[in-house]
């Protein structure tokens, strides 16, 4: 029975890993990544509603007397 020749496996595996590494590097290098991402300054929108100008009382169900 002939034996399997494994003498070239080391070079095949190394060349495959090197090729995959180079391919992924080339693929990743084509993407654009912003250098300094900064948060965008947004101004809060102030809406004038009637209940903001006057005090309103909120009744909690637990504070009401039992009837």
N, C-alpha and C. Protein backbone atom coordinates (compact mmCIF):
# COMPACT_ATOMS: atom_id res chain seq x y z
N UNK A 1 0.85 -1.18 0.00
CA UNK A 1 0.00 0.00 0.00
C UNK A 1 0.89 1.24 0.00
N UNK A 2 0.61 2.16 -0.91
CA UNK A 2 1.44 3.37 -0.94
C UNK A 2 1.13 4.29 0.23
N UNK A 3 2.14 4.96 0.69
CA UNK A 3 1.95 5.90 1.78
C UNK A 3 1.65 7.29 1.22
N UNK A 4 0.95 8.06 2.03
CA UNK A 4 0.61 9.42 1.64
C UNK A 4 1.83 10.30 1.85
N UNK A 5 2.19 11.05 0.82
CA UNK A 5 3.36 11.92 0.92
C UNK A 5 2.95 13.24 1.57
N UNK A 6 3.42 13.47 2.79
CA UNK A 6 3.06 14.68 3.54
C UNK A 6 4.20 15.69 3.58
N UNK A 7 5.22 15.51 2.76
CA UNK A 7 6.38 16.40 2.83
C UNK A 7 6.06 17.80 2.33
N UNK A 8 5.07 17.96 1.48
CA UNK A 8 4.76 19.30 0.93
C UNK A 8 3.65 20.00 1.70
N UNK A 9 3.06 19.35 2.67
CA UNK A 9 1.94 19.95 3.37
C UNK A 9 2.34 21.23 4.11
N UNK A 10 3.50 21.24 4.67
CA UNK A 10 3.93 22.42 5.43
C UNK A 10 3.96 23.65 4.52
N UNK A 11 4.52 23.54 3.35
CA UNK A 11 4.59 24.68 2.43
C UNK A 11 3.21 25.05 1.90
N UNK A 12 2.38 24.06 1.67
CA UNK A 12 1.02 24.35 1.18
C UNK A 12 0.22 25.12 2.22
N UNK A 13 0.31 24.69 3.46
CA UNK A 13 -0.44 25.35 4.54
C UNK A 13 0.10 26.76 4.77
N UNK A 14 1.41 26.90 4.78
CA UNK A 14 1.99 28.24 4.97
C UNK A 14 1.62 29.18 3.83
N UNK A 15 1.69 28.72 2.63
CA UNK A 15 1.34 29.59 1.50
C UNK A 15 -0.14 29.94 1.50
N UNK A 16 -0.98 29.00 1.93
CA UNK A 16 -2.41 29.29 2.02
C UNK A 16 -2.69 30.37 3.07
N UNK A 17 -2.05 30.25 4.23
CA UNK A 17 -2.25 31.24 5.29
C UNK A 17 -1.74 32.60 4.84
N UNK A 18 -0.59 32.64 4.21
CA UNK A 18 -0.05 33.90 3.71
C UNK A 18 -0.95 34.52 2.65
N UNK A 19 -1.47 33.72 1.77
CA UNK A 19 -2.38 34.22 0.73
C UNK A 19 -3.66 34.76 1.33
N UNK A 20 -4.23 34.05 2.29
CA UNK A 20 -5.44 34.55 2.95
C UNK A 20 -5.19 35.85 3.69
N UNK A 21 -4.06 35.94 4.34
CA UNK A 21 -3.72 37.17 5.06
C UNK A 21 -3.62 38.34 4.09
N UNK A 22 -2.94 38.14 2.98
CA UNK A 22 -2.78 39.22 1.99
C UNK A 22 -4.12 39.60 1.39
N UNK A 23 -4.95 38.62 1.10
CA UNK A 23 -6.27 38.92 0.52
C UNK A 23 -7.14 39.72 1.48
N UNK A 24 -7.13 39.33 2.75
CA UNK A 24 -7.93 40.08 3.73
C UNK A 24 -7.37 41.48 3.95
N UNK A 25 -6.06 41.63 3.92
CA UNK A 25 -5.48 42.96 4.06
C UNK A 25 -5.88 43.85 2.89
N UNK A 26 -5.86 43.32 1.70
CA UNK A 26 -6.27 44.11 0.54
C UNK A 26 -7.75 44.45 0.58
N UNK A 27 -8.54 43.52 1.05
CA UNK A 27 -9.98 43.77 1.13
C UNK A 27 -10.29 44.84 2.17
N UNK A 28 -9.62 44.77 3.31
CA UNK A 28 -9.86 45.73 4.39
C UNK A 28 -9.31 47.11 4.02
N UNK A 29 -8.22 47.16 3.30
CA UNK A 29 -7.60 48.45 2.98
C UNK A 29 -8.45 49.27 2.01
N UNK A 30 -9.41 48.67 1.34
CA UNK A 30 -10.25 49.42 0.41
C UNK A 30 -11.39 50.14 1.12
N UNK A 31 -11.61 49.85 2.38
CA UNK A 31 -12.68 50.51 3.13
C UNK A 31 -12.19 51.85 3.64
N UNK A 32 -13.13 52.79 3.70
CA UNK A 32 -12.81 54.11 4.23
C UNK A 32 -13.25 54.19 5.69
N UNK A 33 -12.31 54.54 6.55
CA UNK A 33 -12.61 54.71 7.96
C UNK A 33 -12.33 56.16 8.33
N UNK A 34 -13.26 56.85 8.97
CA UNK A 34 -13.00 58.24 9.35
C UNK A 34 -11.88 58.32 10.39
N UNK A 35 -11.06 59.35 10.27
CA UNK A 35 -9.92 59.46 11.16
C UNK A 35 -10.33 59.85 12.58
N UNK A 36 -11.06 60.95 12.71
CA UNK A 36 -11.44 61.44 14.03
C UNK A 36 -12.96 61.60 14.12
N UNK A 37 -13.66 60.56 14.46
CA UNK A 37 -15.11 60.73 14.60
C UNK A 37 -15.43 61.58 15.83
N UNK A 38 -16.24 62.60 15.63
CA UNK A 38 -16.61 63.47 16.74
C UNK A 38 -18.13 63.48 16.85
N UNK A 39 -18.64 63.61 18.07
CA UNK A 39 -20.10 63.64 18.22
C UNK A 39 -20.68 64.91 17.63
N UNK A 40 -21.80 64.78 17.01
CA UNK A 40 -22.46 65.92 16.39
C UNK A 40 -23.21 66.71 17.45
N UNK A 41 -23.01 68.01 17.43
CA UNK A 41 -23.67 68.88 18.40
C UNK A 41 -25.10 69.16 17.92
N UNK A 42 -26.05 68.75 18.71
CA UNK A 42 -27.45 68.99 18.36
C UNK A 42 -28.07 69.88 19.43
N UNK A 43 -28.87 70.80 19.00
CA UNK A 43 -29.57 71.68 19.93
C UNK A 43 -30.92 71.05 20.28
N UNK A 44 -31.26 71.01 21.56
CA UNK A 44 -32.56 70.44 21.93
C UNK A 44 -33.69 71.34 21.46
N UNK A 45 -34.69 70.73 20.90
CA UNK A 45 -35.84 71.50 20.43
C UNK A 45 -36.76 71.79 21.61
N UNK A 46 -37.05 73.07 21.80
CA UNK A 46 -37.92 73.48 22.90
C UNK A 46 -39.32 73.72 22.36
N UNK A 47 -40.25 72.93 22.81
CA UNK A 47 -41.63 73.12 22.37
C UNK A 47 -42.42 73.75 23.52
N UNK A 48 -43.21 74.73 23.16
CA UNK A 48 -44.02 75.42 24.17
C UNK A 48 -45.35 74.70 24.31
N UNK A 49 -45.52 74.05 25.42
CA UNK A 49 -46.78 73.37 25.71
C UNK A 49 -47.39 74.01 26.95
N UNK A 50 -48.69 74.01 27.04
CA UNK A 50 -49.34 74.71 28.17
C UNK A 50 -48.98 74.14 29.53
N UNK A 51 -48.74 72.82 29.61
CA UNK A 51 -48.47 72.25 30.93
C UNK A 51 -47.04 72.51 31.40
N UNK A 52 -46.19 73.02 30.55
CA UNK A 52 -44.84 73.36 31.00
C UNK A 52 -44.80 74.72 31.68
N UNK A 53 -45.78 75.56 31.38
CA UNK A 53 -45.76 76.92 31.92
C UNK A 53 -46.44 77.01 33.29
N UNK A 54 -47.28 76.09 33.63
CA UNK A 54 -47.96 76.16 34.91
C UNK A 54 -47.77 74.85 35.67
N UNK A 55 -47.95 74.92 36.96
CA UNK A 55 -47.76 73.76 37.81
C UNK A 55 -49.00 72.90 37.75
N UNK A 56 -48.81 71.61 37.53
CA UNK A 56 -49.94 70.68 37.55
C UNK A 56 -49.67 69.61 38.59
N UNK A 57 -50.70 69.18 39.21
CA UNK A 57 -50.57 68.17 40.25
C UNK A 57 -50.90 66.80 39.66
N UNK A 58 -50.06 65.84 39.98
CA UNK A 58 -50.27 64.47 39.52
C UNK A 58 -50.71 63.66 40.73
N UNK A 59 -51.86 63.07 40.62
CA UNK A 59 -52.40 62.29 41.72
C UNK A 59 -51.94 60.85 41.59
N UNK A 60 -51.32 60.38 42.62
CA UNK A 60 -50.91 58.98 42.64
C UNK A 60 -52.06 58.14 43.20
N UNK A 61 -52.34 56.99 42.65
CA UNK A 61 -53.43 56.17 43.18
C UNK A 61 -53.21 55.76 44.63
N UNK A 62 -51.96 55.66 45.07
CA UNK A 62 -51.72 55.25 46.44
C UNK A 62 -51.98 56.38 47.42
N UNK A 63 -51.92 57.63 46.96
CA UNK A 63 -52.12 58.74 47.89
C UNK A 63 -53.58 59.12 48.07
N UNK A 64 -54.44 58.58 47.24
CA UNK A 64 -55.87 58.89 47.37
C UNK A 64 -56.47 58.12 48.55
N UNK A 65 -57.39 58.75 49.19
CA UNK A 65 -58.03 58.08 50.33
C UNK A 65 -58.99 56.99 49.83
N UNK A 66 -59.07 55.93 50.61
CA UNK A 66 -59.96 54.83 50.24
C UNK A 66 -61.40 55.22 50.52
N UNK A 67 -62.27 54.84 49.62
CA UNK A 67 -63.68 55.21 49.79
C UNK A 67 -64.54 53.99 50.05
